[in-house]
N, C-alpha and C. Protein backbone atom coordinates (compact mmCIF):
# COMPACT_ATOMS: atom_id res chain seq x y z
N MET A 1 0.83 -1.19 0.00
CA MET A 1 0.00 0.00 0.00
C MET A 1 0.87 1.25 0.00
N ASP A 2 0.33 2.29 -0.55
CA ASP A 2 1.02 3.57 -0.66
C ASP A 2 0.61 4.45 0.52
N PHE A 3 1.50 4.60 1.51
CA PHE A 3 1.20 5.41 2.69
C PHE A 3 1.87 6.77 2.60
N ARG A 4 1.60 7.48 1.54
CA ARG A 4 2.18 8.80 1.36
C ARG A 4 1.20 9.86 1.86
N PRO A 5 1.70 11.03 2.22
CA PRO A 5 0.79 12.12 2.61
C PRO A 5 -0.09 12.54 1.44
N LEU A 6 -1.28 13.01 1.74
CA LEU A 6 -2.16 13.51 0.68
C LEU A 6 -1.60 14.79 0.10
N ASN A 7 -1.76 14.96 -1.22
CA ASN A 7 -1.38 16.25 -1.80
C ASN A 7 -2.52 17.23 -1.50
N ASP A 8 -2.31 18.50 -1.81
CA ASP A 8 -3.30 19.54 -1.46
C ASP A 8 -4.68 19.27 -2.05
N THR A 9 -4.71 18.86 -3.31
CA THR A 9 -6.00 18.61 -3.97
C THR A 9 -6.72 17.44 -3.31
N GLU A 10 -5.99 16.34 -3.06
CA GLU A 10 -6.59 15.18 -2.41
C GLU A 10 -7.11 15.54 -1.02
N ARG A 11 -6.34 16.32 -0.30
CA ARG A 11 -6.73 16.72 1.06
C ARG A 11 -8.01 17.56 1.04
N ARG A 12 -8.09 18.54 0.13
CA ARG A 12 -9.28 19.39 0.03
C ARG A 12 -10.51 18.56 -0.33
N LYS A 13 -10.36 17.63 -1.29
CA LYS A 13 -11.48 16.79 -1.71
C LYS A 13 -11.95 15.89 -0.57
N LEU A 14 -11.00 15.33 0.17
CA LEU A 14 -11.37 14.46 1.28
C LEU A 14 -12.06 15.25 2.39
N LEU A 15 -11.54 16.41 2.74
CA LEU A 15 -12.19 17.24 3.76
C LEU A 15 -13.60 17.64 3.35
N SER A 16 -13.76 17.97 2.08
CA SER A 16 -15.08 18.32 1.57
C SER A 16 -16.05 17.13 1.68
N ALA A 17 -15.55 15.95 1.34
CA ALA A 17 -16.38 14.75 1.42
C ALA A 17 -16.75 14.43 2.87
N LEU A 18 -15.81 14.58 3.78
CA LEU A 18 -16.09 14.32 5.19
C LEU A 18 -17.13 15.29 5.73
N ARG A 19 -17.05 16.55 5.30
CA ARG A 19 -18.07 17.54 5.71
C ARG A 19 -19.44 17.17 5.15
N ALA A 20 -19.48 16.79 3.86
CA ALA A 20 -20.74 16.39 3.24
C ALA A 20 -21.33 15.17 3.94
N ASN A 21 -20.45 14.26 4.35
CA ASN A 21 -20.90 13.07 5.06
C ASN A 21 -21.52 13.43 6.40
N SER A 22 -20.88 14.29 7.15
CA SER A 22 -21.38 14.61 8.48
C SER A 22 -22.54 15.60 8.46
N GLN A 23 -22.53 16.54 7.54
CA GLN A 23 -23.57 17.56 7.53
C GLN A 23 -24.78 17.19 6.68
N ASP A 24 -24.54 16.54 5.54
CA ASP A 24 -25.63 16.24 4.60
C ASP A 24 -25.93 14.75 4.49
N HIS A 25 -25.26 13.94 5.31
CA HIS A 25 -25.48 12.48 5.32
C HIS A 25 -25.20 11.85 3.96
N GLN A 26 -24.21 12.36 3.26
CA GLN A 26 -23.84 11.78 1.97
C GLN A 26 -22.82 10.66 2.16
N ALA A 27 -22.89 9.66 1.30
CA ALA A 27 -21.94 8.55 1.34
C ALA A 27 -20.62 8.99 0.72
N ILE A 28 -19.53 8.51 1.28
CA ILE A 28 -18.20 8.77 0.73
C ILE A 28 -17.85 7.61 -0.19
N LEU A 29 -17.51 7.93 -1.43
CA LEU A 29 -17.21 6.90 -2.43
C LEU A 29 -15.71 6.72 -2.60
N MET A 30 -15.30 5.44 -2.77
CA MET A 30 -13.89 5.13 -2.98
C MET A 30 -13.77 4.20 -4.18
N ASP A 31 -12.67 4.34 -4.89
CA ASP A 31 -12.36 3.45 -6.01
C ASP A 31 -11.95 2.10 -5.43
N ARG A 32 -12.58 1.02 -5.87
CA ARG A 32 -12.30 -0.30 -5.33
C ARG A 32 -10.88 -0.76 -5.59
N LYS A 33 -10.34 -0.40 -6.75
CA LYS A 33 -9.00 -0.89 -7.12
C LYS A 33 -7.88 -0.10 -6.47
N THR A 34 -8.03 1.21 -6.40
CA THR A 34 -6.95 2.04 -5.88
C THR A 34 -7.19 2.51 -4.45
N THR A 35 -8.38 2.33 -3.94
CA THR A 35 -8.84 2.81 -2.63
C THR A 35 -8.75 4.33 -2.50
N GLN A 36 -8.65 5.03 -3.64
CA GLN A 36 -8.65 6.49 -3.60
C GLN A 36 -10.07 7.00 -3.46
N PHE A 37 -10.21 8.08 -2.77
CA PHE A 37 -11.49 8.75 -2.59
C PHE A 37 -11.91 9.35 -3.93
N VAL A 38 -13.19 9.17 -4.31
CA VAL A 38 -13.65 9.69 -5.60
C VAL A 38 -14.85 10.62 -5.52
N GLY A 39 -15.35 10.91 -4.32
CA GLY A 39 -16.45 11.86 -4.23
C GLY A 39 -17.50 11.42 -3.22
N THR A 40 -18.67 12.05 -3.31
CA THR A 40 -19.79 11.74 -2.42
C THR A 40 -21.07 11.62 -3.25
N THR A 41 -22.08 11.03 -2.65
CA THR A 41 -23.35 10.88 -3.33
C THR A 41 -24.47 10.74 -2.31
N ASP A 42 -25.68 11.07 -2.72
CA ASP A 42 -26.85 10.88 -1.87
C ASP A 42 -27.34 9.44 -1.94
N GLU A 43 -27.17 8.81 -3.09
CA GLU A 43 -27.67 7.45 -3.31
C GLU A 43 -26.52 6.50 -3.58
N VAL A 44 -26.58 5.31 -2.98
CA VAL A 44 -25.58 4.28 -3.21
C VAL A 44 -26.31 3.01 -3.62
N ALA A 45 -25.82 2.38 -4.68
CA ALA A 45 -26.44 1.14 -5.15
C ALA A 45 -26.31 0.05 -4.09
N ASP A 46 -27.30 -0.85 -4.05
CA ASP A 46 -27.30 -1.93 -3.06
C ASP A 46 -26.03 -2.76 -3.10
N ASP A 47 -25.54 -3.07 -4.31
CA ASP A 47 -24.33 -3.90 -4.40
C ASP A 47 -23.11 -3.19 -3.82
N GLU A 48 -23.06 -1.87 -3.89
CA GLU A 48 -21.97 -1.12 -3.28
C GLU A 48 -22.02 -1.22 -1.76
N VAL A 49 -23.22 -1.15 -1.21
CA VAL A 49 -23.38 -1.26 0.25
C VAL A 49 -22.96 -2.65 0.72
N ILE A 50 -23.40 -3.68 0.00
CA ILE A 50 -23.05 -5.05 0.37
C ILE A 50 -21.55 -5.26 0.27
N THR A 51 -20.92 -4.76 -0.77
CA THR A 51 -19.47 -4.89 -0.93
C THR A 51 -18.74 -4.18 0.21
N ALA A 52 -19.20 -3.00 0.58
CA ALA A 52 -18.57 -2.26 1.68
C ALA A 52 -18.68 -3.03 2.99
N ILE A 53 -19.82 -3.61 3.25
CA ILE A 53 -20.01 -4.37 4.49
C ILE A 53 -19.13 -5.61 4.49
N LYS A 54 -19.07 -6.30 3.36
CA LYS A 54 -18.25 -7.51 3.26
C LYS A 54 -16.76 -7.20 3.44
N SER A 55 -16.36 -6.00 3.11
CA SER A 55 -14.93 -5.65 3.19
C SER A 55 -14.47 -5.34 4.61
N VAL A 56 -15.40 -5.21 5.55
CA VAL A 56 -15.05 -4.92 6.94
C VAL A 56 -14.75 -6.24 7.66
N PRO A 57 -13.55 -6.38 8.23
CA PRO A 57 -13.26 -7.61 8.99
C PRO A 57 -14.27 -7.80 10.11
N CYS A 58 -14.62 -9.05 10.37
CA CYS A 58 -15.69 -9.32 11.34
C CYS A 58 -15.40 -8.76 12.73
N HIS A 59 -14.12 -8.66 13.14
CA HIS A 59 -13.86 -8.14 14.48
C HIS A 59 -14.09 -6.63 14.56
N TYR A 60 -14.27 -5.94 13.40
CA TYR A 60 -14.62 -4.52 13.41
C TYR A 60 -16.15 -4.35 13.31
N ALA A 61 -16.83 -5.34 12.85
CA ALA A 61 -18.28 -5.24 12.63
C ALA A 61 -19.08 -5.57 13.89
N GLY A 62 -18.41 -5.77 15.02
CA GLY A 62 -19.12 -6.04 16.25
C GLY A 62 -19.59 -7.47 16.37
N VAL A 63 -19.01 -8.36 15.58
CA VAL A 63 -19.40 -9.78 15.63
C VAL A 63 -18.53 -10.51 16.61
């Protein structure tokens, strides 16, 4: 994995998405292949929700 600091553009986009998530209840979208943040949305397809849940290790999901 690439653990480099975010550049200015990436940082601004991520902060904007985090604000939208907390203030407007928007979902934060990530690219599955690169794990880069790609934006926010009001609607998320069911398969995206299921994939996100499956990607969480069971010891983080409260199981």
